[in-house]
Amino acid sequence: MRRLYKSFKNWLYLPDGASNEIFNLLLFGILALSSIVAVVSFTRTLGIFLALIK
């Protein structure tokens, strides 16, 4: 998880430092949760479409 967070910070060019760490972790958490919600929503929608086709 730590490597994922470090690569996330490097990918978005987020600043280092103790004062920015809370903001970075909050942004990482929000984006992680929203990606989980997006995957679940896509899977449910795909399941509905496949059920309609079948």
N, C-alpha and C. Protein backbone atom coordinates (compact mmCIF):
# COMPACT_ATOMS: atom_id res chain seq x y z
N MET A 1 0.82 -1.19 0.00
CA MET A 1 0.00 0.00 0.00
C MET A 1 0.87 1.26 0.00
N ARG A 2 1.99 1.16 0.71
CA ARG A 2 2.88 2.31 0.76
C ARG A 2 3.49 2.60 -0.60
N ARG A 3 3.83 1.54 -1.36
CA ARG A 3 4.38 1.75 -2.70
C ARG A 3 3.34 2.35 -3.64
N LEU A 4 2.09 1.91 -3.49
CA LEU A 4 1.00 2.46 -4.30
C LEU A 4 0.81 3.93 -4.00
N TYR A 5 0.86 4.30 -2.72
CA TYR A 5 0.72 5.70 -2.33
C TYR A 5 1.87 6.55 -2.86
N LYS A 6 3.10 6.02 -2.79
CA LYS A 6 4.25 6.78 -3.30
C LYS A 6 4.17 6.97 -4.81
N SER A 7 3.75 5.95 -5.53
CA SER A 7 3.62 6.10 -6.98
C SER A 7 2.47 7.05 -7.32
N PHE A 8 1.42 7.06 -6.50
CA PHE A 8 0.32 8.01 -6.68
C PHE A 8 0.82 9.44 -6.51
N LYS A 9 1.63 9.68 -5.47
CA LYS A 9 2.17 11.02 -5.24
C LYS A 9 3.08 11.46 -6.38
N ASN A 10 3.91 10.54 -6.86
CA ASN A 10 4.81 10.88 -7.96
C ASN A 10 4.04 11.11 -9.25
N TRP A 11 2.97 10.37 -9.48
CA TRP A 11 2.19 10.50 -10.70
C TRP A 11 1.49 11.85 -10.78
N LEU A 12 0.99 12.33 -9.64
CA LEU A 12 0.29 13.61 -9.62
C LEU A 12 1.18 14.78 -9.24
N TYR A 13 2.47 14.53 -9.04
CA TYR A 13 3.43 15.56 -8.63
C TYR A 13 2.95 16.29 -7.37
N LEU A 14 2.48 15.52 -6.37
CA LEU A 14 2.03 16.11 -5.12
C LEU A 14 3.23 16.49 -4.27
N PRO A 15 3.16 17.60 -3.55
CA PRO A 15 4.32 18.04 -2.75
C PRO A 15 4.53 17.16 -1.53
N ASP A 16 5.79 17.06 -1.12
CA ASP A 16 6.14 16.33 0.10
C ASP A 16 6.11 17.29 1.28
N GLY A 17 6.08 16.73 2.45
CA GLY A 17 6.12 17.55 3.67
C GLY A 17 5.02 17.13 4.61
N ALA A 18 5.23 17.46 5.89
CA ALA A 18 4.29 17.05 6.92
C ALA A 18 2.95 17.77 6.78
N SER A 19 2.97 19.03 6.37
CA SER A 19 1.72 19.78 6.28
C SER A 19 0.88 19.33 5.08
N ASN A 20 1.52 18.82 4.06
CA ASN A 20 0.80 18.37 2.87
C ASN A 20 0.38 16.91 2.94
N GLU A 21 0.91 16.18 3.92
CA GLU A 21 0.66 14.74 3.98
C GLU A 21 -0.81 14.42 4.25
N ILE A 22 -1.46 15.21 5.09
CA ILE A 22 -2.88 14.98 5.38
C ILE A 22 -3.72 15.18 4.12
N PHE A 23 -3.43 16.25 3.38
CA PHE A 23 -4.15 16.50 2.13
C PHE A 23 -3.90 15.39 1.12
N ASN A 24 -2.67 14.92 1.02
CA ASN A 24 -2.34 13.86 0.07
C ASN A 24 -3.05 12.56 0.42
N LEU A 25 -3.07 12.22 1.72
CA LEU A 25 -3.76 10.99 2.15
C LEU A 25 -5.26 11.10 1.94
N LEU A 26 -5.82 12.27 2.19
CA LEU A 26 -7.25 12.47 1.97
C LEU A 26 -7.59 12.33 0.49
N LEU A 27 -6.80 12.92 -0.37
CA LEU A 27 -7.02 12.82 -1.81
C LEU A 27 -6.86 11.38 -2.28
N PHE A 28 -5.87 10.68 -1.76
CA PHE A 28 -5.66 9.27 -2.11
C PHE A 28 -6.85 8.42 -1.67
N GLY A 29 -7.35 8.66 -0.48
CA GLY A 29 -8.50 7.90 0.02
C GLY A 29 -9.76 8.16 -0.79
N ILE A 30 -10.00 9.41 -1.12
CA ILE A 30 -11.19 9.76 -1.91
C ILE A 30 -11.12 9.12 -3.29
N LEU A 31 -9.97 9.21 -3.93
CA LEU A 31 -9.82 8.61 -5.26
C LEU A 31 -9.89 7.09 -5.22
N ALA A 32 -9.37 6.48 -4.17
CA ALA A 32 -9.44 5.02 -4.04
C ALA A 32 -10.89 4.57 -3.85
N LEU A 33 -11.63 5.26 -2.98
CA LEU A 33 -13.03 4.90 -2.76
C LEU A 33 -13.88 5.14 -4.00
N SER A 34 -13.63 6.23 -4.70
CA SER A 34 -14.41 6.50 -5.90
C SER A 34 -14.10 5.50 -7.01
N SER A 35 -12.87 5.02 -7.07
CA SER A 35 -12.56 4.01 -8.08
C SER A 35 -13.23 2.68 -7.74
N ILE A 36 -13.32 2.35 -6.46
CA ILE A 36 -14.03 1.13 -6.06
C ILE A 36 -15.51 1.24 -6.40
N VAL A 37 -16.11 2.39 -6.13
CA VAL A 37 -17.52 2.61 -6.46
C VAL A 37 -17.74 2.53 -7.96
N ALA A 38 -16.82 3.08 -8.75
CA ALA A 38 -16.96 3.04 -10.20
C ALA A 38 -16.88 1.62 -10.73
N VAL A 39 -15.99 0.82 -10.18
CA VAL A 39 -15.86 -0.57 -10.64
C VAL A 39 -17.11 -1.37 -10.27
N VAL A 40 -17.62 -1.18 -9.06
CA VAL A 40 -18.83 -1.89 -8.64
C VAL A 40 -20.02 -1.47 -9.49
N SER A 41 -20.14 -0.18 -9.75
CA SER A 41 -21.25 0.32 -10.56
C SER A 41 -21.17 -0.22 -11.99
N PHE A 42 -19.97 -0.24 -12.55
CA PHE A 42 -19.79 -0.76 -13.90
C PHE A 42 -20.15 -2.24 -13.95
N THR A 43 -19.72 -2.99 -12.93
CA THR A 43 -20.00 -4.42 -12.90
C THR A 43 -21.50 -4.69 -12.81
N ARG A 44 -22.20 -3.93 -11.98
CA ARG A 44 -23.65 -4.11 -11.85
C ARG A 44 -24.34 -3.75 -13.16
N THR A 45 -23.92 -2.65 -13.79
CA THR A 45 -24.53 -2.24 -15.05
C THR A 45 -24.27 -3.28 -16.13
N LEU A 46 -23.06 -3.81 -16.18
CA LEU A 46 -22.73 -4.84 -17.15
C LEU A 46 -23.57 -6.09 -16.90
N GLY A 47 -23.77 -6.44 -15.65
CA GLY A 47 -24.61 -7.59 -15.32
C GLY A 47 -26.05 -7.39 -15.76
N ILE A 48 -26.57 -6.18 -15.60
CA ILE A 48 -27.94 -5.89 -16.03
C ILE A 48 -28.05 -6.00 -17.55
N PHE A 49 -27.09 -5.44 -18.26
CA PHE A 49 -27.13 -5.52 -19.74
C PHE A 49 -27.00 -6.96 -20.22
N LEU A 50 -26.14 -7.75 -19.58
CA LEU A 50 -26.00 -9.14 -19.99
C LEU A 50 -27.24 -9.94 -19.67
N ALA A 51 -27.93 -9.60 -18.57
CA ALA A 51 -29.18 -10.27 -18.25
C ALA A 51 -30.27 -9.92 -19.25
N LEU A 52 -30.26 -8.69 -19.75
CA LEU A 52 -31.26 -8.29 -20.75
C LEU A 52 -31.01 -8.95 -22.08
N ILE A 53 -29.76 -9.14 -22.44
CA ILE A 53 -29.43 -9.77 -23.71
C ILE A 53 -29.76 -11.25 -23.67
N LYS A 54 -29.53 -11.88 -22.55
CA LYS A 54 -29.78 -13.31 -22.41
C LYS A 54 -31.24 -13.56 -22.38
